[in-house]
Every structure is written in C-alpha cells, then in structure tokens.
Amino acid sequence: MSLIEQAAKRLEQLRQAGVELPEDKPELQPPPRLHPPQNTDSIESESSASRQSDATISNVPSHPRGKRVDLNLEAIAASGLLVPHATRSQLADEYRVIKRPLIANAMGRSATQIANGNLIMITSALPGEGKSFTAINLAISIAMELDNTVMLVDADVARPSILNMLGLPPAPGLLDVVDKNSVDISSVLMRTNIDKLSILPSGTQHPRATELLASDAMVRLLDDMSRRYSDRIIIFDSPPLLLTTEARALATHMGQVVMVVNAAQTTQAAVKQAVSTIDACPVKMMVLNQSRQTAGDGYGYGYGYGYGYGNES
C-alpha cells in the first residue's frame, strides 16, 4: 500500500471516530461590504436630470426652412409671365425700368431714406386690372438681380391667386401664421427653383380672413418682417383698394405702393379715389397695364409708369 493510500485510509478512520478535520469546517464567507446610506432623493434627482437632459437633446428646436417647390418654368413662360434666363423681351425690359427705383428705395440708395422701403405693396383700384400678374413679374424680375433676394407674399386673402398662376396647389401660409398670433413664417415659406425667390402663400382659407389681415397680429408680423428681412425685398399682392378696407390698412405699413391701372377699363375717377386712400405711403408708383402700343397693333401688356414721394404727383 502506498503512502497516499495509507494517509487516505487513516483520514477515513479518524472521520469514523468523530474527529473533526480542518477541511471539513464550513468555508468562511467574507463579510458583506457595507455601503454608506445613499440619499434616494439625490438618486431620483440625478435620474430625472438625466431624463431631462435626454429630452433636451431630443427636443432641440429645429428651424424649418420651409419646403422646396419646383416651378414649371416652361408653363409659366407659356402663360405670359417672366422667367429667368429667357431671351430678351419687351416685357422684361419694361420690368427692368419699373424695378430700378423700387430697388433703390428698398436698399436705401435713393436721395430720400424711406422707412420700410423693402416692403412693397402691389394693388389696384378694382379687381381684374393685372395686379397679381404685375406682382409675380416684378418679383421674378428682381430675383434675376445679382444682389437682391425677394419674397412674394399673397396678401389678397379673399381672392388668392399667386399659387394658382404659378401652377402650385394651395398651401399653408400667411393666414395660418396670423391666426396663431405668430411672427414665425419659416415653416410655411416656400423656396423655389428660382434661386433668389421665395413665396409666402395666402394660407388656409379662414371665415374671418379679411379681419385677420387688418388685425394687430398682422401689424406685428409686418413689423417683424421689415426688421428680420431688412436685406430682402418683400412684395405683397394685396386686395384692390376700392373693394375692401384691408388694403388701405396694409398700405400704412408699406414703404412703397405700386398701383396697377388697366388703361382699357379703369376710369380716372376710380384712379383718383384709390390714390386718395394711400396718402400715408411715402412712395407711390403707378403702372399702366394694357396701354396701347406705339408700335404694333392692338393692345398688349404694355406698361407706363410714374412715381412720386408723399403728396407729390
């Protein structure tokens, strides 16, 4: 029998005799580690702070730039409107003449500094004189400038036409912003494929649309736009002056007013009455639409123009 076998046999005999051997003692477990008591309020506070931090990160306010829309420039040109990079035309040349004093006044380059000169209202005495046609063409012509950007606002909320004339579906816009008593137009502003042209639609039809246009909320929005977008020319297609009072209220906040007159149908009395309603505007320009051409036959979209400061003719 080997020594190992002898040792094992001896250990077995001792166990049978009731002798407690060291290896049979229960293994002592290390005492549990005691942690200092924690403040549960602190733990909950830290957890809450963590959740709030996560929420802050996930809810960082975005700054929507509005959606991008692509204008069908071929269809727009076919409808008689101006488009960028088109061949030189009489219409384009006429709008170059019309826009020069407007741009100079808007950018502070005229002899007289004009408050809110970058806010330009396009209106008429009566419906059907071509004001929306003029507003779109003027906006596109200014967007073709190297140094100017332009925003076209459809403020004729009772009879909006800008989007339809440009082949675009109805969309949220001016009325939605004013109805919320907000001054943030970034989410409803449309960026177009004419690089320097953006559009603010009239917005969702509202039963009190004309009242909204004359409200204090609209005044606040106009004041904000004149300051926030001081480097941008903003063109408003407004209601006719003799049809509603909203256009007159709007005119009091404009630096410049362009009144479109249909040479073939508007009476001199209507023109004088309309002009008398916008005496408060510092600069008034008149654009004669559908005037008889000196060359060629019949009537066309020929334009004459004139402008004055204050009550000057």
C-alpha atoms as a PDB file:
ATOM      1  CA  MET A   1       0.000   0.000   0.000  1.00  0.00           C
ATOM      2  CA  SER A   2       1.433   3.352  -0.956  1.00  0.00           C
ATOM      3  CA  LEU A   3       1.864   6.223   1.446  1.00  0.00           C
ATOM      4  CA  ILE A   4      -1.030   8.137  -0.189  1.00  0.00           C
ATOM      5  CA  GLU A   5      -3.347   5.182   0.221  1.00  0.00           C
ATOM      6  CA  GLN A   6      -2.244   4.780   3.827  1.00  0.00           C
ATOM      7  CA  ALA A   7      -2.926   8.503   4.530  1.00  0.00           C
ATOM      8  CA  ALA A   8      -6.334   8.324   2.949  1.00  0.00           C
ATOM      9  CA  LYS A   9      -7.207   5.217   4.997  1.00  0.00           C
ATOM     10  CA  ARG A  10      -6.060   6.916   8.206  1.00  0.00           C
ATOM     11  CA  LEU A  11      -8.211  10.032   7.480  1.00  0.00           C
ATOM     12  CA  GLU A  12     -11.234   7.828   6.923  1.00  0.00           C
ATOM     13  CA  GLN A  13     -10.650   6.090  10.266  1.00  0.00           C
ATOM     14  CA  LEU A  14     -10.436   9.457  12.041  1.00  0.00           C
ATOM     15  CA  ARG A  15     -13.699  10.626  10.480  1.00  0.00           C
ATOM     16  CA  GLN A  16     -15.425   7.445  11.559  1.00  0.00           C
ATOM     17  CA  ALA A  17     -14.103   8.058  15.059  1.00  0.00           C
ATOM     18  CA  GLY A  18     -15.780  11.507  15.074  1.00  0.00           C
ATOM     19  CA  VAL A  19     -12.654  13.612  14.803  1.00  0.00           C
ATOM     20  CA  GLU A  20     -13.328  16.990  13.060  1.00  0.00           C
ATOM     21  CA  LEU A  21     -10.792  17.603  10.371  1.00  0.00           C
ATOM     22  CA  PRO A  22      -9.817  21.156   9.132  1.00  0.00           C
ATOM     23  CA  GLU A  23     -11.008  20.503   5.593  1.00  0.00           C
ATOM     24  CA  ASP A  24     -14.474  19.600   6.933  1.00  0.00           C
ATOM     25  CA  LYS A  25     -15.021  23.071   8.510  1.00  0.00           C
ATOM     26  CA  PRO A  26     -17.510  25.255   6.603  1.00  0.00           C
ATOM     27  CA  GLU A  27     -15.825  27.795   4.399  1.00  0.00           C
ATOM     28  CA  LEU A  28     -15.998  31.188   5.955  1.00  0.00           C
ATOM     29  CA  GLN A  29     -17.649  33.728   3.656  1.00  0.00           C
ATOM     30  CA  PRO A  30     -16.160  37.213   3.603  1.00  0.00           C
ATOM     31  CA  PRO A  31     -18.332  39.677   5.467  1.00  0.00           C
ATOM     32  CA  PRO A  32     -20.624  41.674   3.235  1.00  0.00           C
ATOM     33  CA  ARG A  33     -19.308  45.062   2.226  1.00  0.00           C
ATOM     34  CA  LEU A  34     -21.241  47.810   3.876  1.00  0.00           C
ATOM     35  CA  HIS A  35     -22.071  50.853   1.766  1.00  0.00           C
ATOM     36  CA  PRO A  36     -22.822  54.194   3.319  1.00  0.00           C
ATOM     37  CA  PRO A  37     -26.522  55.026   3.142  1.00  0.00           C
ATOM     38  CA  GLN A  38     -27.468  56.850  -0.047  1.00  0.00           C
ATOM     39  CA  ASN A  39     -29.856  59.722  -0.391  1.00  0.00           C
ATOM     40  CA  THR A  40     -32.680  58.316  -2.518  1.00  0.00           C
ATOM     41  CA  ASP A  41     -33.858  61.825  -3.339  1.00  0.00           C
ATOM     42  CA  SER A  42     -30.447  62.503  -4.836  1.00  0.00           C
ATOM     43  CA  ILE A  43     -30.635  59.327  -6.903  1.00  0.00           C
ATOM     44  CA  GLU A  44     -34.085  60.240  -8.201  1.00  0.00           C
ATOM     45  CA  SER A  45     -32.907  63.784  -8.886  1.00  0.00           C
ATOM     46  CA  GLU A  46     -29.945  62.529 -10.894  1.00  0.00           C
ATOM     47  CA  SER A  47     -32.198  60.142 -12.795  1.00  0.00           C
ATOM     48  CA  SER A  48     -34.661  62.912 -13.505  1.00  0.00           C
ATOM     49  CA  ALA A  49     -31.869  65.214 -14.606  1.00  0.00           C
ATOM     50  CA  SER A  50     -30.610  62.503 -16.920  1.00  0.00           C
ATOM     51  CA  ARG A  51     -34.061  62.068 -18.406  1.00  0.00           C
ATOM     52  CA  GLN A  52     -34.433  65.823 -18.809  1.00  0.00           C
ATOM     53  CA  SER A  53     -31.043  66.023 -20.462  1.00  0.00           C
ATOM     54  CA  ASP A  54     -32.038  63.301 -22.909  1.00  0.00           C
ATOM     55  CA  ALA A  55     -35.309  65.097 -23.570  1.00  0.00           C
ATOM     56  CA  THR A  56     -33.464  68.355 -24.138  1.00  0.00           C
ATOM     57  CA  ILE A  57     -31.207  66.711 -26.675  1.00  0.00           C
ATOM     58  CA  SER A  58     -34.073  65.042 -28.490  1.00  0.00           C
ATOM     59  CA  ASN A  59     -36.275  68.149 -28.418  1.00  0.00           C
ATOM     60  CA  VAL A  60     -33.772  70.705 -29.607  1.00  0.00           C
ATOM     61  CA  PRO A  61     -35.968  73.140 -31.537  1.00  0.00           C
ATOM     62  CA  SER A  62     -35.429  72.862 -35.226  1.00  0.00           C
ATOM     63  CA  HIS A  63     -35.507  75.831 -37.537  1.00  0.00           C
ATOM     64  CA  PRO A  64     -37.599  74.763 -40.510  1.00  0.00           C
ATOM     65  CA  ARG A  65     -36.658  76.493 -43.710  1.00  0.00           C
ATOM     66  CA  GLY A  66     -39.950  75.776 -45.427  1.00  0.00           C
ATOM     67  CA  LYS A  67     -40.425  73.345 -48.232  1.00  0.00           C
ATOM     68  CA  ARG A  68     -38.798  73.459 -51.633  1.00  0.00           C
ATOM     69  CA  VAL A  69     -41.110  73.730 -54.642  1.00  0.00           C
ATOM     70  CA  ASP A  70     -40.135  73.468 -58.278  1.00  0.00           C
ATOM     71  CA  LEU A  71     -41.876  75.883 -60.595  1.00  0.00           C
ATOM     72  CA  ASN A  72     -42.623  74.694 -64.115  1.00  0.00           C
ATOM     73  CA  LEU A  73     -40.793  77.492 -65.869  1.00  0.00           C
ATOM     74  CA  GLU A  74     -41.929  76.419 -69.342  1.00  0.00           C
ATOM     75  CA  ALA A  75     -45.591  76.540 -68.322  1.00  0.00           C
ATOM     76  CA  ILE A  76     -45.058  79.869 -66.573  1.00  0.00           C
ATOM     77  CA  ALA A  77     -43.443  81.333 -69.694  1.00  0.00           C
ATOM     78  CA  ALA A  78     -46.298  79.990 -71.839  1.00  0.00           C
ATOM     79  CA  SER A  79     -48.789  81.850 -69.613  1.00  0.00           C
ATOM     80  CA  GLY A  80     -47.085  85.148 -70.399  1.00  0.00           C
ATOM     81  CA  LEU A  81     -45.111  85.538 -67.171  1.00  0.00           C
ATOM     82  CA  LEU A  82     -41.418  86.311 -66.953  1.00  0.00           C
ATOM     83  CA  VAL A  83     -38.900  83.538 -66.342  1.00  0.00           C
ATOM     84  CA  PRO A  84     -35.182  83.783 -65.595  1.00  0.00           C
ATOM     85  CA  HIS A  85     -32.693  83.405 -68.438  1.00  0.00           C
ATOM     86  CA  ALA A  86     -35.361  83.885 -71.095  1.00  0.00           C
ATOM     87  CA  THR A  87     -34.451  85.686 -74.280  1.00  0.00           C
ATOM     88  CA  ARG A  88     -34.650  89.448 -74.086  1.00  0.00           C
ATOM     89  CA  SER A  89     -38.202  90.677 -74.492  1.00  0.00           C
ATOM     90  CA  GLN A  90     -40.134  93.931 -74.349  1.00  0.00           C
ATOM     91  CA  LEU A  91     -41.893  92.756 -71.181  1.00  0.00           C
ATOM     92  CA  ALA A  92     -38.586  92.012 -69.437  1.00  0.00           C
ATOM     93  CA  ASP A  93     -37.203  95.397 -70.472  1.00  0.00           C
ATOM     94  CA  GLU A  94     -40.282  97.188 -69.145  1.00  0.00           C
ATOM     95  CA  TYR A  95     -39.947  95.492 -65.778  1.00  0.00           C
ATOM     96  CA  ARG A  96     -36.289  96.464 -65.640  1.00  0.00           C
ATOM     97  CA  VAL A  97     -37.394 100.076 -65.880  1.00  0.00           C
ATOM     98  CA  ILE A  98     -40.141  99.594 -63.282  1.00  0.00           C
ATOM     99  CA  LYS A  99     -37.980  97.836 -60.702  1.00  0.00           C
ATOM    100  CA  ARG A 100     -34.982 100.225 -60.687  1.00  0.00           C
ATOM    101  CA  PRO A 101     -36.466 102.980 -58.485  1.00  0.00           C
ATOM    102  CA  LEU A 102     -38.149 100.368 -56.288  1.00  0.00           C
ATOM    103  CA  ILE A 103     -34.853  98.572 -55.624  1.00  0.00           C
ATOM    104  CA  ALA A 104     -33.031 101.856 -54.994  1.00  0.00           C
ATOM    105  CA  ASN A 105     -35.655 102.893 -52.439  1.00  0.00           C
ATOM    106  CA  ALA A 106     -35.697  99.446 -50.813  1.00  0.00           C
ATOM    107  CA  MET A 107     -31.919  99.298 -50.408  1.00  0.00           C
ATOM    108  CA  GLY A 108     -31.561 102.889 -49.151  1.00  0.00           C
ATOM    109  CA  ARG A 109     -29.803 104.101 -52.281  1.00  0.00           C
ATOM    110  CA  SER A 110     -32.286 106.847 -53.144  1.00  0.00           C
ATOM    111  CA  ALA A 111     -31.908 110.519 -52.269  1.00  0.00           C
ATOM    112  CA  THR A 112     -34.534 110.171 -49.532  1.00  0.00           C
ATOM    113  CA  GLN A 113     -34.351 107.389 -46.932  1.00  0.00           C
ATOM    114  CA  ILE A 114     -37.667 105.551 -46.798  1.00  0.00           C
ATOM    115  CA  ALA A 115     -38.903 103.666 -43.733  1.00  0.00           C
ATOM    116  CA  ASN A 116     -39.846 100.077 -44.586  1.00  0.00           C
ATOM    117  CA  GLY A 117     -38.685 100.731 -48.127  1.00  0.00           C
ATOM    118  CA  ASN A 118     -38.209  96.990 -48.647  1.00  0.00           C
ATOM    119  CA  LEU A 119     -41.957  96.412 -48.135  1.00  0.00           C
ATOM    120  CA  ILE A 120     -43.664  96.951 -51.499  1.00  0.00           C
ATOM    121  CA  MET A 121     -47.418  96.571 -51.967  1.00  0.00           C
ATOM    122  CA  ILE A 122     -48.881  95.855 -55.392  1.00  0.00           C
ATOM    123  CA  THR A 123     -52.522  96.858 -55.607  1.00  0.00           C
ATOM    124  CA  SER A 124     -55.174  98.304 -57.913  1.00  0.00           C
ATOM    125  CA  ALA A 125     -58.344 100.327 -57.674  1.00  0.00           C
ATOM    126  CA  LEU A 126     -60.596  97.448 -58.763  1.00  0.00           C
ATOM    127  CA  PRO A 127     -60.330  93.699 -59.456  1.00  0.00           C
ATOM    128  CA  GLY A 128     -59.097  92.467 -62.816  1.00  0.00           C
ATOM    129  CA  GLU A 129     -56.512  95.160 -63.506  1.00  0.00           C
ATOM    130  CA  GLY A 130     -53.497  92.842 -63.527  1.00  0.00           C
ATOM    131  CA  LYS A 131     -52.006  93.423 -60.069  1.00  0.00           C
ATOM    132  CA  SER A 132     -51.198  89.740 -59.417  1.00  0.00           C
ATOM    133  CA  PHE A 133     -49.643  89.438 -62.880  1.00  0.00           C
ATOM    134  CA  THR A 134     -47.564  92.524 -62.078  1.00  0.00           C
ATOM    135  CA  ALA A 135     -46.591  91.274 -58.600  1.00  0.00           C
ATOM    136  CA  ILE A 136     -45.307  87.948 -59.956  1.00  0.00           C
ATOM    137  CA  ASN A 137     -43.395  89.512 -62.838  1.00  0.00           C
ATOM    138  CA  LEU A 138     -41.867  92.153 -60.596  1.00  0.00           C
ATOM    139  CA  ALA A 139     -40.776  89.534 -58.054  1.00  0.00           C
ATOM    140  CA  ILE A 140     -39.196  87.329 -60.733  1.00  0.00           C
ATOM    141  CA  SER A 141     -37.500  90.330 -62.339  1.00  0.00           C
ATOM    142  CA  ILE A 142     -35.985  91.393 -59.003  1.00  0.00           C
ATOM    143  CA  ALA A 143     -34.913  87.789 -58.303  1.00  0.00           C
ATOM    144  CA  MET A 144     -32.877  87.951 -61.523  1.00  0.00           C
ATOM    145  CA  GLU A 145     -30.732  90.700 -59.971  1.00  0.00           C
ATOM    146  CA  LEU A 146     -27.268  89.704 -58.779  1.00  0.00           C
ATOM    147  CA  ASP A 147     -27.529  91.427 -55.403  1.00  0.00           C
ATOM    148  CA  ASN A 148     -31.169  91.140 -54.330  1.00  0.00           C
ATOM    149  CA  THR A 149     -33.417  88.422 -52.965  1.00  0.00           C
ATOM    150  CA  VAL A 150     -37.182  88.720 -52.961  1.00  0.00           C
ATOM    151  CA  MET A 151     -40.159  87.283 -51.095  1.00  0.00           C
ATOM    152  CA  LEU A 152     -43.555  87.271 -52.817  1.00  0.00           C
ATOM    153  CA  VAL A 153     -46.485  87.383 -50.366  1.00  0.00           C
ATOM    154  CA  ASP A 154     -50.036  86.612 -51.444  1.00  0.00           C
ATOM    155  CA  ALA A 155     -51.904  89.041 -49.190  1.00  0.00           C
ATOM    156  CA  ASP A 156     -55.099  89.046 -51.271  1.00  0.00           C
ATOM    157  CA  VAL A 157     -56.578  86.619 -48.778  1.00  0.00           C
ATOM    158  CA  ALA A 158     -60.148  86.889 -50.064  1.00  0.00           C
ATOM    159  CA  ARG A 159     -59.162  86.000 -53.642  1.00  0.00           C
ATOM    160  CA  PRO A 160     -55.676  84.450 -53.585  1.00  0.00           C
ATOM    161  CA  SER A 161     -54.219  83.695 -56.992  1.00  0.00           C
ATOM    162  CA  ILE A 162     -50.415  83.601 -56.780  1.00  0.00           C
ATOM    163  CA  LEU A 163     -50.044  79.832 -56.301  1.00  0.00           C
ATOM    164  CA  ASN A 164     -52.622  79.042 -58.967  1.00  0.00           C
ATOM    165  CA  MET A 165     -50.916  81.315 -61.505  1.00  0.00           C
ATOM    166  CA  LEU A 166     -47.611  79.586 -60.769  1.00  0.00           C
ATOM    167  CA  GLY A 167     -49.126  76.103 -61.103  1.00  0.00           C
ATOM    168  CA  LEU A 168     -48.870  75.233 -57.410  1.00  0.00           C
ATOM    169  CA  PRO A 169     -51.528  73.679 -55.138  1.00  0.00           C
ATOM    170  CA  PRO A 170     -52.941  75.544 -52.104  1.00  0.00           C
ATOM    171  CA  ALA A 171     -50.678  75.510 -49.049  1.00  0.00           C
ATOM    172  CA  PRO A 172     -50.491  76.926 -45.503  1.00  0.00           C
ATOM    173  CA  GLY A 173     -49.201  80.460 -45.310  1.00  0.00           C
ATOM    174  CA  LEU A 174     -49.943  83.993 -44.160  1.00  0.00           C
ATOM    175  CA  LEU A 175     -53.385  83.403 -42.621  1.00  0.00           C
ATOM    176  CA  ASP A 176     -52.141  80.386 -40.667  1.00  0.00           C
ATOM    177  CA  VAL A 177     -49.323  82.432 -39.124  1.00  0.00           C
ATOM    178  CA  VAL A 178     -51.532  85.428 -38.276  1.00  0.00           C
ATOM    179  CA  ASP A 179     -54.301  83.191 -36.899  1.00  0.00           C
ATOM    180  CA  LYS A 180     -51.764  81.752 -34.424  1.00  0.00           C
ATOM    181  CA  ASN A 181     -50.677  85.273 -33.444  1.00  0.00           C
ATOM    182  CA  SER A 182     -47.182  84.267 -34.518  1.00  0.00           C
ATOM    183  CA  VAL A 183     -44.384  86.015 -36.393  1.00  0.00           C
ATOM    184  CA  ASP A 184     -42.597  82.832 -37.489  1.00  0.00           C
ATOM    185  CA  ILE A 185     -43.117  82.281 -41.211  1.00  0.00           C
ATOM    186  CA  SER A 186     -40.210  79.893 -41.729  1.00  0.00           C
ATOM    187  CA  SER A 187     -42.338  76.720 -41.724  1.00  0.00           C
ATOM    188  CA  VAL A 188     -44.746  77.962 -44.413  1.00  0.00           C
ATOM    189  CA  LEU A 189     -42.284  79.848 -46.606  1.00  0.00           C
ATOM    190  CA  MET A 190     -41.735  78.184 -49.990  1.00  0.00           C
ATOM    191  CA  ARG A 191     -38.273  78.104 -51.505  1.00  0.00           C
ATOM    192  CA  THR A 192     -38.373  77.882 -55.281  1.00  0.00           C
ATOM    193  CA  ASN A 193     -36.069  76.742 -58.062  1.00  0.00           C
ATOM    194  CA  ILE A 194     -35.647  80.420 -58.906  1.00  0.00           C
ATOM    195  CA  ASP A 195     -32.736  80.809 -56.514  1.00  0.00           C
ATOM    196  CA  LYS A 196     -33.495  84.210 -55.021  1.00  0.00           C
ATOM    197  CA  LEU A 197     -37.294  83.921 -54.984  1.00  0.00           C
ATOM    198  CA  SER A 198     -39.378  82.607 -52.088  1.00  0.00           C
ATOM    199  CA  ILE A 199     -43.165  82.625 -51.755  1.00  0.00           C
ATOM    200  CA  LEU A 200     -45.437  83.111 -48.763  1.00  0.00           C
ATOM    201  CA  PRO A 201     -48.901  81.797 -49.782  1.00  0.00           C
ATOM    202  CA  SER A 202     -52.120  83.343 -48.502  1.00  0.00           C
ATOM    203  CA  GLY A 203     -52.687  80.192 -46.456  1.00  0.00           C
ATOM    204  CA  THR A 204     -55.661  78.146 -45.323  1.00  0.00           C
ATOM    205  CA  GLN A 205     -58.978  79.819 -46.074  1.00  0.00           C
ATOM    206  CA  HIS A 206     -60.479  81.394 -42.973  1.00  0.00           C
ATOM    207  CA  PRO A 207     -64.023  82.730 -42.425  1.00  0.00           C
ATOM    208  CA  ARG A 208     -62.550  85.940 -40.997  1.00  0.00           C
ATOM    209  CA  ALA A 209     -59.667  86.267 -43.433  1.00  0.00           C
ATOM    210  CA  THR A 210     -60.147  89.971 -44.105  1.00  0.00           C
ATOM    211  CA  GLU A 211     -60.372  90.717 -40.364  1.00  0.00           C
ATOM    212  CA  LEU A 212     -57.107  88.827 -39.792  1.00  0.00           C
ATOM    213  CA  LEU A 213     -55.411  90.944 -42.445  1.00  0.00           C
ATOM    214  CA  ALA A 214     -56.416  94.098 -40.564  1.00  0.00           C
ATOM    215  CA  SER A 215     -55.618  92.720 -37.090  1.00  0.00           C
ATOM    216  CA  ASP A 216     -52.911  93.692 -34.597  1.00  0.00           C
ATOM    217  CA  ALA A 217     -51.328  90.278 -35.172  1.00  0.00           C
ATOM    218  CA  MET A 218     -50.825  91.213 -38.827  1.00  0.00           C
ATOM    219  CA  VAL A 219     -49.269  94.522 -37.797  1.00  0.00           C
ATOM    220  CA  ARG A 220     -46.813  92.692 -35.532  1.00  0.00           C
ATOM    221  CA  LEU A 221     -45.951  90.293 -38.344  1.00  0.00           C
ATOM    222  CA  LEU A 222     -45.295  93.151 -40.772  1.00  0.00           C
ATOM    223  CA  ASP A 223     -43.083  94.935 -38.247  1.00  0.00           C
ATOM    224  CA  ASP A 224     -41.134  91.732 -37.644  1.00  0.00           C
ATOM    225  CA  MET A 225     -40.749  91.066 -41.366  1.00  0.00           C
ATOM    226  CA  SER A 226     -39.440  94.559 -42.050  1.00  0.00           C
ATOM    227  CA  ARG A 227     -36.753  94.116 -39.364  1.00  0.00           C
ATOM    228  CA  ARG A 228     -35.923  90.429 -39.752  1.00  0.00           C
ATOM    229  CA  TYR A 229     -35.707  90.541 -43.536  1.00  0.00           C
ATOM    230  CA  SER A 230     -34.297  94.033 -43.957  1.00  0.00           C
ATOM    231  CA  ASP A 231     -31.902  92.753 -46.635  1.00  0.00           C
ATOM    232  CA  ARG A 232     -34.746  91.226 -48.661  1.00  0.00           C
ATOM    233  CA  ILE A 233     -37.328  92.929 -50.871  1.00  0.00           C
ATOM    234  CA  ILE A 234     -40.825  91.794 -49.897  1.00  0.00           C
ATOM    235  CA  ILE A 235     -43.623  92.192 -52.432  1.00  0.00           C
ATOM    236  CA  PHE A 236     -47.248  91.984 -51.271  1.00  0.00           C
ATOM    237  CA  ASP A 237     -50.028  91.210 -53.718  1.00  0.00           C
ATOM    238  CA  SER A 238     -52.820  92.987 -51.843  1.00  0.00           C
ATOM    239  CA  PRO A 239     -56.597  93.315 -52.295  1.00  0.00           C
ATOM    240  CA  PRO A 240     -57.899  96.151 -54.518  1.00  0.00           C
ATOM    241  CA  LEU A 241     -58.094  99.497 -52.730  1.00  0.00           C
ATOM    242  CA  LEU A 242     -61.745 100.263 -53.520  1.00  0.00           C
ATOM    243  CA  LEU A 243     -63.006  96.746 -52.838  1.00  0.00           C
ATOM    244  CA  THR A 244     -62.011  96.357 -49.164  1.00  0.00           C
ATOM    245  CA  THR A 245     -60.518  98.467 -46.396  1.00  0.00           C
ATOM    246  CA  GLU A 246     -57.811  95.892 -45.599  1.00  0.00           C
ATOM    247  CA  ALA A 247     -55.588  97.071 -48.445  1.00  0.00           C
ATOM    248  CA  ARG A 248     -55.688 100.598 -47.051  1.00  0.00           C
ATOM    249  CA  ALA A 249     -54.680  99.348 -43.609  1.00  0.00           C
ATOM    250  CA  LEU A 250     -51.896  97.291 -45.175  1.00  0.00           C
ATOM    251  CA  ALA A 251     -50.656 100.313 -47.127  1.00  0.00           C
ATOM    252  CA  THR A 252     -49.970 102.252 -43.920  1.00  0.00           C
ATOM    253  CA  HIS A 253     -47.165  99.796 -43.109  1.00  0.00           C
ATOM    254  CA  MET A 254     -45.606  99.764 -46.585  1.00  0.00           C
ATOM    255  CA  GLY A 255     -42.639 101.821 -47.674  1.00  0.00           C
ATOM    256  CA  GLN A 256     -43.739 101.741 -51.316  1.00  0.00           C
ATOM    257  CA  VAL A 257     -47.047 101.152 -53.109  1.00  0.00           C
ATOM    258  CA  VAL A 258     -47.400 100.255 -56.780  1.00  0.00           C
ATOM    259  CA  MET A 259     -50.905 100.756 -58.146  1.00  0.00           C
ATOM    260  CA  VAL A 260     -51.727  98.889 -61.331  1.00  0.00           C
ATOM    261  CA  VAL A 261     -54.237 100.615 -63.616  1.00  0.00           C
ATOM    262  CA  ASN A 262     -55.931  98.903 -66.544  1.00  0.00           C
ATOM    263  CA  ALA A 263     -55.724 101.508 -69.278  1.00  0.00           C
ATOM    264  CA  ALA A 264     -58.607  99.968 -71.193  1.00  0.00           C
ATOM    265  CA  GLN A 265     -61.236  99.983 -68.453  1.00  0.00           C
ATOM    266  CA  THR A 266     -60.385 101.876 -65.251  1.00  0.00           C
ATOM    267  CA  THR A 267     -61.912 105.336 -65.031  1.00  0.00           C
ATOM    268  CA  GLN A 268     -59.957 108.391 -63.993  1.00  0.00           C
ATOM    269  CA  ALA A 269     -62.349 108.915 -61.092  1.00  0.00           C
ATOM    270  CA  ALA A 270     -61.634 105.411 -59.733  1.00  0.00           C
ATOM    271  CA  VAL A 271     -57.894 106.005 -60.009  1.00  0.00           C
ATOM    272  CA  LYS A 272     -58.097 109.314 -58.126  1.00  0.00           C
ATOM    273  CA  GLN A 273     -60.274 107.790 -55.421  1.00  0.00           C
ATOM    274  CA  ALA A 274     -57.891 104.852 -54.989  1.00  0.00           C
ATOM    275  CA  VAL A 275     -54.816 107.088 -54.806  1.00  0.00           C
ATOM    276  CA  SER A 276     -56.503 109.230 -52.144  1.00  0.00           C
ATOM    277  CA  THR A 277     -56.740 106.191 -49.844  1.00  0.00           C
ATOM    278  CA  ILE A 278     -52.952 105.673 -49.725  1.00  0.00           C
ATOM    279  CA  ASP A 279     -51.786 109.212 -48.945  1.00  0.00           C
ATOM    280  CA  ALA A 280     -49.882 107.932 -45.903  1.00  0.00           C
ATOM    281  CA  CYS A 281     -47.489 105.867 -48.007  1.00  0.00           C
ATOM    282  CA  PRO A 282     -44.256 107.790 -48.705  1.00  0.00           C
ATOM    283  CA  VAL A 283     -43.747 106.421 -52.240  1.00  0.00           C
ATOM    284  CA  LYS A 284     -46.498 105.706 -54.757  1.00  0.00           C
ATOM    285  CA  MET A 285     -45.891 104.389 -58.255  1.00  0.00           C
ATOM    286  CA  MET A 286     -48.488 103.868 -60.945  1.00  0.00           C
ATOM    287  CA  VAL A 287     -48.145 101.147 -63.572  1.00  0.00           C
ATOM    288  CA  LEU A 288     -50.391 101.435 -66.635  1.00  0.00           C
ATOM    289  CA  ASN A 289     -51.361  97.962 -67.797  1.00  0.00           C
ATOM    290  CA  GLN A 290     -52.621  97.086 -71.276  1.00  0.00           C
ATOM    291  CA  SER A 291     -51.766 100.504 -72.646  1.00  0.00           C
ATOM    292  CA  ARG A 292     -51.870 100.950 -76.411  1.00  0.00           C
ATOM    293  CA  GLN A 293     -48.550 100.136 -78.021  1.00  0.00           C
ATOM    294  CA  THR A 294     -46.839 102.830 -80.038  1.00  0.00           C
ATOM    295  CA  ALA A 295     -45.611 100.134 -82.405  1.00  0.00           C
ATOM    296  CA  GLY A 296     -47.672  97.152 -83.474  1.00  0.00           C
ATOM    297  CA  ASP A 297     -51.387  96.646 -83.496  1.00  0.00           C
ATOM    298  CA  GLY A 298     -53.981  96.338 -80.766  1.00  0.00           C
ATOM    299  CA  TYR A 299     -53.456  96.181 -77.018  1.00  0.00           C
ATOM    300  CA  GLY A 300     -50.829  94.211 -75.140  1.00  0.00           C
ATOM    301  CA  TYR A 301     -49.194  94.061 -71.757  1.00  0.00           C
ATOM    302  CA  GLY A 302     -47.547  97.402 -72.301  1.00  0.00           C
ATOM    303  CA  TYR A 303     -46.572  99.369 -69.200  1.00  0.00           C
ATOM    304  CA  GLY A 304     -46.209 103.033 -68.482  1.00  0.00           C
ATOM    305  CA  TYR A 305     -45.069 104.154 -65.061  1.00  0.00           C
ATOM    306  CA  GLY A 306     -44.612 107.112 -62.812  1.00  0.00           C
ATOM    307  CA  TYR A 307     -43.922 107.636 -59.128  1.00  0.00           C
ATOM    308  CA  GLY A 308     -43.798 110.326 -56.529  1.00  0.00           C
ATOM    309  CA  TYR A 309     -42.955 110.999 -52.890  1.00  0.00           C
ATOM    310  CA  GLY A 310     -45.652 111.850 -50.375  1.00  0.00           C
ATOM    311  CA  ASN A 311     -48.310 114.010 -51.990  1.00  0.00           C
ATOM    312  CA  GLU A 312     -46.264 114.969 -54.995  1.00  0.00           C
ATOM    313  CA  SER A 313     -47.624 113.989 -58.399  1.00  0.00           C
END
